[in-house]
Protein backbone atom coordinates (compact mmCIF):
# COMPACT_ATOMS: atom_id res chain seq x y z
CA MET A 1 58.19 82.49 190.96
CA ARG A 2 56.67 85.06 193.49
CA PRO A 3 53.31 86.89 192.53
CA TYR A 4 54.29 89.81 191.53
CA GLN A 5 56.76 88.80 189.08
CA PHE A 6 53.95 86.24 187.68
CA ALA A 7 51.88 89.51 187.54
CA LEU A 8 54.91 91.87 186.03
CA ALA A 9 55.73 89.51 182.97
CA TYR A 10 52.11 88.92 182.05
CA LEU A 11 51.54 93.00 181.72
CA LEU A 12 54.42 93.08 179.99
CA ASP A 13 53.58 90.72 177.54
CA LEU A 14 49.92 92.60 177.42
CA ALA A 15 52.35 95.64 176.95
CA ILE A 16 54.65 94.93 174.32
CA GLY A 17 53.91 91.61 172.75
CA ASP A 18 56.91 90.32 171.05
CA PRO A 19 58.98 92.62 169.30
CA ARG A 20 61.14 91.57 166.50
CA PHE A 21 64.14 93.57 168.19
CA ILE A 22 64.02 91.80 171.87
CA PRO A 23 66.23 88.27 171.57
CA HIS A 24 63.26 85.62 172.07
CA PRO A 25 64.61 82.42 173.67
CA VAL A 26 62.61 80.56 170.54
CA ARG A 27 64.82 81.93 168.51
CA GLY A 28 67.89 80.54 170.21
CA PHE A 29 65.63 77.09 170.18
CA GLY A 30 65.75 77.04 166.82
CA TRP A 31 69.31 77.14 166.27
CA ALA A 32 69.99 74.94 168.72
CA ILE A 33 67.41 72.46 167.04
CA ARG A 34 68.97 72.54 163.80
CA PHE A 35 72.67 72.12 164.77
CA LEU A 36 71.62 69.31 166.92
CA GLU A 37 69.66 67.42 164.03
CA LYS A 38 72.91 67.61 161.80
CA ALA A 39 74.58 65.99 164.64
CA LEU A 40 72.53 63.31 165.17
CA ARG A 41 71.48 62.65 161.67
CA ARG A 42 75.11 61.70 161.23
CA LEU A 43 74.84 58.98 163.83
CA ALA A 44 71.43 57.67 162.81
CA LYS A 45 71.72 55.70 159.67
CA SER A 46 68.61 53.58 159.81
CA PRO A 47 64.77 54.16 160.58
CA GLY A 48 65.58 52.76 164.19
CA TRP A 49 68.26 54.67 164.70
CA GLU A 50 66.39 58.24 163.71
CA ARG A 51 63.90 57.46 166.19
CA PHE A 52 66.41 56.88 168.39
CA ALA A 53 68.61 60.20 167.57
CA GLY A 54 65.29 61.75 168.23
CA VAL A 55 64.40 60.85 171.02
CA ILE A 56 67.16 61.84 172.41
CA LEU A 57 66.47 65.22 171.07
CA ALA A 58 62.76 65.32 172.06
CA LEU A 59 64.23 64.48 175.53
CA GLY A 60 67.58 66.29 175.77
CA LEU A 61 66.37 69.49 174.33
CA PRO A 62 63.33 70.56 176.84
CA ALA A 63 65.83 68.74 179.94
CA ALA A 64 68.88 70.73 179.01
CA VAL A 65 66.55 74.53 178.79
CA PHE A 66 64.83 73.69 182.32
CA PHE A 67 68.07 73.03 184.09
CA LEU A 68 69.93 75.53 182.33
CA THR A 69 67.29 78.28 183.40
CA TYR A 70 66.93 77.20 187.12
CA TRP A 71 70.54 77.30 187.28
CA LEU A 72 70.64 80.39 186.12
CA ILE A 73 67.57 81.60 188.31
CA TYR A 74 68.83 80.05 191.71
CA GLY A 75 72.21 79.35 191.21
CA LEU A 76 74.11 82.01 189.38
CA LEU A 77 71.59 84.99 190.61
CA ILE A 78 70.70 83.51 194.41
CA THR A 79 73.11 86.57 195.66
CA ARG A 80 72.00 89.20 193.70
CA PRO A 81 67.64 89.02 194.39
CA ILE A 82 67.04 92.28 192.17
CA PHE A 83 68.65 90.77 188.99
CA GLN A 84 66.99 87.68 189.87
CA SER A 85 63.78 88.85 190.01
CA LEU A 86 64.24 90.77 186.70
CA VAL A 87 65.61 87.61 185.13
CA ILE A 88 62.49 85.83 186.36
CA ILE A 89 59.96 88.24 185.01
CA LEU A 90 61.72 88.57 181.81
CA LEU A 91 62.16 84.95 181.41
CA ALA A 92 58.18 83.87 181.86
CA TYR A 93 57.29 87.17 179.74
CA THR A 94 58.85 85.44 176.61
CA THR A 95 56.93 82.43 177.25
CA LEU A 96 53.67 84.53 176.54
CA ALA A 97 52.46 85.10 173.54
CA THR A 98 48.58 86.95 174.15
CA ARG A 99 48.96 90.14 172.51
CA SER A 100 51.80 88.60 169.56
CA LEU A 101 48.92 86.19 168.26
CA HIS A 102 46.10 88.95 168.60
CA GLN A 103 48.78 91.15 166.38
CA GLU A 104 49.76 88.23 163.45
CA ALA A 105 45.77 87.79 163.41
CA ALA A 106 44.92 91.60 163.14
CA ARG A 107 47.45 91.68 160.19
CA VAL A 108 45.66 89.55 158.39
CA ILE A 109 42.45 90.97 158.91
CA THR A 110 43.55 94.56 158.43
CA ALA A 111 44.91 93.39 155.04
CA LEU A 112 41.47 92.04 154.17
CA GLN A 113 39.54 95.14 155.57
CA ALA A 114 41.82 96.92 153.06
CA GLY A 115 40.80 94.87 150.20
CA LYS A 116 44.47 93.59 149.81
CA VAL A 117 43.85 90.10 149.33
CA THR A 118 47.45 89.05 148.16
CA GLU A 119 48.83 90.48 151.37
CA ALA A 120 46.51 89.08 153.60
CA ARG A 121 47.24 85.69 152.08
CA LYS A 122 50.91 85.80 152.65
CA TRP A 123 50.10 87.29 156.17
CA LEU A 124 48.28 83.96 156.84
CA GLY A 125 50.80 81.93 155.06
CA TRP A 126 52.68 83.10 158.51
CA ILE A 127 50.52 81.75 161.08
CA VAL A 128 49.18 78.55 159.37
CA GLY A 129 50.78 75.58 157.38
CA ARG A 130 48.22 75.12 155.01
CA ASP A 131 48.33 76.59 151.26
CA THR A 132 46.65 80.03 151.33
CA GLU A 133 47.05 81.21 147.74
CA ASN A 134 43.28 79.80 146.67
CA LEU A 135 41.11 80.14 149.39
CA THR A 136 38.33 82.88 149.79
CA ARG A 137 38.20 86.02 151.99
CA GLU A 138 35.48 83.50 154.25
CA GLU A 139 38.32 80.55 154.34
CA MET A 140 40.83 83.11 155.31
CA ILE A 141 38.84 84.57 157.98
CA LYS A 142 38.06 80.56 159.12
CA ALA A 143 41.62 79.80 159.04
CA THR A 144 42.16 83.31 161.30
CA LEU A 145 39.87 81.76 164.09
CA GLU A 146 41.43 78.32 164.02
CA THR A 147 44.89 79.42 164.56
CA MET A 148 44.11 81.73 166.89
CA ALA A 149 41.92 78.95 169.03
CA GLU A 150 44.85 76.30 168.41
CA ASN A 151 47.59 78.76 169.33
CA LEU A 152 45.10 80.36 172.43
CA SER A 153 46.08 76.57 173.73
CA ASP A 154 49.41 76.29 172.70
CA GLY A 155 50.82 80.15 172.93
CA VAL A 156 49.07 81.29 175.89
CA ILE A 157 47.29 79.02 178.34
CA ALA A 158 49.71 76.02 178.34
CA PRO A 159 52.85 78.60 179.25
CA LEU A 160 50.25 80.02 181.95
CA PHE A 161 49.59 76.71 183.38
CA TYR A 162 53.64 75.43 183.32
CA LEU A 163 54.16 78.67 185.11
CA LEU A 164 51.41 77.87 187.38
CA ILE A 165 53.35 74.45 188.58
CA GLY A 166 56.93 75.21 187.63
CA GLY A 167 57.72 78.80 186.93
CA ALA A 168 60.02 79.81 184.13
CA PRO A 169 61.79 76.89 184.00
CA LEU A 170 59.37 74.23 183.02
CA ALA A 171 57.27 77.26 180.98
CA LEU A 172 60.81 77.45 178.84
CA ALA A 173 61.27 73.34 178.47
CA PHE A 174 57.30 73.73 177.28
CA LYS A 175 58.56 76.33 174.75
CA ALA A 176 61.29 74.74 173.53
CA ALA A 177 59.01 70.96 173.31
CA SER A 178 56.81 73.08 171.33
CA THR A 179 59.60 74.24 168.88
CA LEU A 180 60.60 71.09 168.84
CA ASP A 181 57.43 69.78 167.54
CA SER A 182 56.93 72.75 164.88
CA MET A 183 60.88 71.76 162.81
CA VAL A 184 60.75 68.27 162.95
CA GLY A 185 57.37 67.11 164.28
CA TYR A 186 56.40 66.18 160.77
CA LYS A 187 55.05 62.66 159.01
CA ASN A 188 56.98 63.17 155.49
CA ASP A 189 59.67 61.31 154.42
CA ARG A 190 62.33 63.41 156.16
CA TYR A 191 60.92 63.75 159.73
CA ARG A 192 58.76 60.27 159.81
CA HIS A 193 61.29 58.85 162.06
CA PHE A 194 63.96 61.71 163.46
CA GLY A 195 60.53 63.57 164.53
CA TRP A 196 58.07 61.21 165.84
CA ALA A 197 58.91 61.57 169.58
CA SER A 198 58.90 65.13 169.15
CA ALA A 199 55.43 65.36 167.96
CA ARG A 200 54.50 62.71 170.30
CA LEU A 201 55.56 64.48 173.29
CA ASP A 202 54.30 67.53 172.23
CA ASP A 203 51.11 65.72 172.68
CA LEU A 204 51.47 65.17 176.10
CA TRP A 205 53.09 68.63 176.53
CA ASN A 206 49.46 69.97 175.79
CA TYR A 207 47.35 67.36 176.99
CA LEU A 208 45.41 69.22 180.12
CA PRO A 209 46.23 72.66 178.44
CA ALA A 210 44.23 72.20 175.39
CA ARG A 211 41.18 70.96 177.67
CA ILE A 212 41.75 73.56 179.96
CA THR A 213 41.88 75.49 176.78
CA ALA A 214 38.11 74.26 175.96
CA PHE A 215 36.82 75.01 179.44
CA LEU A 216 37.90 78.21 179.85
CA ILE A 217 35.92 78.93 176.39
CA VAL A 218 32.92 77.60 177.68
CA LEU A 219 33.39 79.70 181.06
CA VAL A 220 33.85 83.09 178.90
CA SER A 221 31.52 82.44 176.93
CA ARG A 222 29.22 81.97 179.54
CA VAL A 223 29.77 85.41 181.25
CA GLY A 224 30.52 87.13 177.28
CA GLY A 225 27.46 86.18 176.15
CA PHE A 226 28.17 83.54 173.28
CA SER A 227 26.67 80.51 173.31
CA TRP A 228 28.22 78.77 176.33
CA LYS A 229 26.16 75.57 176.22
CA GLN A 230 26.78 75.26 172.20
CA ALA A 231 30.41 75.49 173.36
CA TRP A 232 30.28 72.57 175.85
CA ILE A 233 28.04 70.51 173.29
CA ILE A 234 30.56 71.04 170.24
CA TRP A 235 33.39 70.50 172.39
CA GLN A 236 32.67 67.14 173.34
CA ARG A 237 31.07 66.04 170.22
CA ASP A 238 33.87 67.11 167.35
CA GLY A 239 36.65 67.89 169.69
CA ARG A 240 38.02 64.58 169.74
CA ARG A 241 37.35 63.86 165.85
CA TYR A 242 40.31 65.71 164.76
CA PRO A 243 43.46 64.14 163.79
CA SER A 244 45.54 65.86 166.78
CA PRO A 245 44.57 64.87 170.17
CA ASN A 246 44.63 68.31 171.44
CA ALA A 247 44.45 70.54 168.35
CA GLY A 248 40.09 70.30 167.78
CA LEU A 249 39.26 70.65 171.10
CA PRO A 250 39.65 74.49 171.66
CA GLN A 251 38.65 74.87 167.88
CA ALA A 252 35.29 72.89 168.44
CA ALA A 253 34.62 74.81 171.92
CA LEU A 254 35.60 78.16 169.82
CA ALA A 255 32.81 76.92 166.98
CA GLY A 256 30.07 76.12 168.94
CA ALA A 257 31.14 79.66 171.01
CA LEU A 258 30.07 81.52 167.65
CA GLN A 259 27.39 79.33 166.46
CA ILE A 260 29.62 78.49 163.61
CA ARG A 261 31.60 75.62 161.77
CA LEU A 262 35.40 75.63 161.57
CA GLY A 263 37.75 72.57 160.45
CA GLY A 264 36.80 71.14 157.17
CA PRO A 265 39.29 69.88 154.23
CA ALA A 266 42.19 71.88 153.66
CA VAL A 267 45.93 71.49 151.57
CA TYR A 268 49.20 71.56 152.79
CA GLY A 269 51.75 71.80 149.94
CA GLY A 270 49.39 70.60 147.16
CA VAL A 271 47.91 67.62 148.73
CA LYS A 272 44.45 67.97 149.99
CA SER A 273 43.76 66.72 153.52
CA GLU A 274 40.03 65.87 154.48
CA LYS A 275 40.35 67.11 158.11
CA PRO A 276 36.60 67.16 160.06
CA PHE A 277 34.03 69.68 160.26
CA LEU A 278 33.75 70.96 164.12
CA GLY A 279 30.28 73.01 164.37
CA ASP A 280 27.28 73.35 162.95
CA ASP A 281 27.34 75.78 159.55
CA ARG A 282 24.83 78.09 161.02
CA ALA A 283 26.07 81.40 159.99
CA GLU A 284 28.78 82.62 157.60
CA ILE A 285 32.13 83.83 159.20
CA THR A 286 32.65 87.00 158.79
CA LEU A 287 34.59 90.03 161.09
CA VAL A 288 31.94 89.59 163.61
CA GLU A 289 33.41 86.46 164.47
CA TYR A 290 37.08 87.65 164.33
CA ARG A 291 36.24 90.32 167.10
CA GLN A 292 34.17 87.80 169.15
CA THR A 293 37.49 85.22 168.53
CA VAL A 294 39.10 88.71 170.13
CA THR A 295 37.25 88.84 173.06
CA VAL A 296 37.68 85.76 173.63
CA LEU A 297 41.07 85.05 173.57
CA TYR A 298 41.85 87.93 175.94
CA ALA A 299 38.91 86.78 178.53
CA SER A 300 40.43 83.27 178.26
CA SER A 301 44.43 84.47 179.24
CA ALA A 302 43.24 86.89 181.30
CA LEU A 303 40.81 83.91 183.58
CA MET A 304 44.12 81.38 183.15
CA ALA A 305 46.18 84.66 184.61
CA LEU A 306 44.02 85.20 187.95
CA VAL A 307 44.10 81.08 188.15
CA VAL A 308 47.78 81.09 188.24
CA LEU A 309 48.47 84.22 190.07
CA GLY A 310 46.03 82.60 193.14
CA GLY A 311 48.15 79.83 193.05
CA ARG A 312 50.98 81.70 193.43
CA PHE A 313 49.86 83.54 196.24
CA LEU A 314 48.33 80.26 197.79
CA TRP A 315 52.09 78.35 197.37
CA GLU A 316 53.56 81.39 199.09
CA TYR A 317 51.29 81.33 201.78
CA MET A 318 52.01 77.52 202.49
CA GLU A 319 55.63 78.02 202.49
CA ARG A 320 55.07 80.94 204.73
CA ILE A 321 53.17 78.52 207.34
CA SER A 322 55.15 75.45 206.93
CA PRO A 323 57.02 74.27 210.12
């Protein structure tokens, strides 16, 4: 992937986000997962076989996406460099979600500002897994900040990381693995065995990006005038207390940077989950913290994009000087 291809893909994401009318690979992944789940479940007649079928799906779909994308870019279009560049740019663009993450969160906040609490709860339900019917205004803002921090890692920094080390094929393979986790990686009766491998592999895919995200939040807090020392302290103190090995890290860093408290009990499908608190309860969470989180989102995204661009320039330079 050439530096200019990455730059155009990144700018395209910032410019238009994810319009519904543009076909997106993730929707194709969703169709494939539903089809493959039905097919594999016909063969899985016991918990052990369910796990085996789940492993096949968790490994097979990302691998197939990687090799098909690689073939499309470097095989079919190798004789058409202009079309090849266009395909690379468009595929890389579809893996990024900086603007769409902001837009999804902004719909919740805009509804709250207009006093449309029911509408705000509906939009919030689109981007969080918890029940939203009984959340207060502050709890809805807090939930929005939490999903922005978590998805800064999953939807922005992780794809950028995989674009850096493996280009569009690896970034799309990551998106396939992430989609698998969001569809089958649950601990309920239906997916306890079948989705186990998808959930565990998603943890592996996100292990480094989650830690990079937390570190980026510390860095942008230092530059942006937020509490970078608290971002570091709370990240180290509270980040690993979360049930997920990854999701709590960027949330804890954000909580420290803004000197607020995130996390805590939440209700999922009518069942209360006693999640740990992240950060210290120093201030009420308001729209000020939302606007600060938007700043952290774009600054972290831009900083990581510069790292990717620099890495791509270095890769190209090393290719030129190598014998």
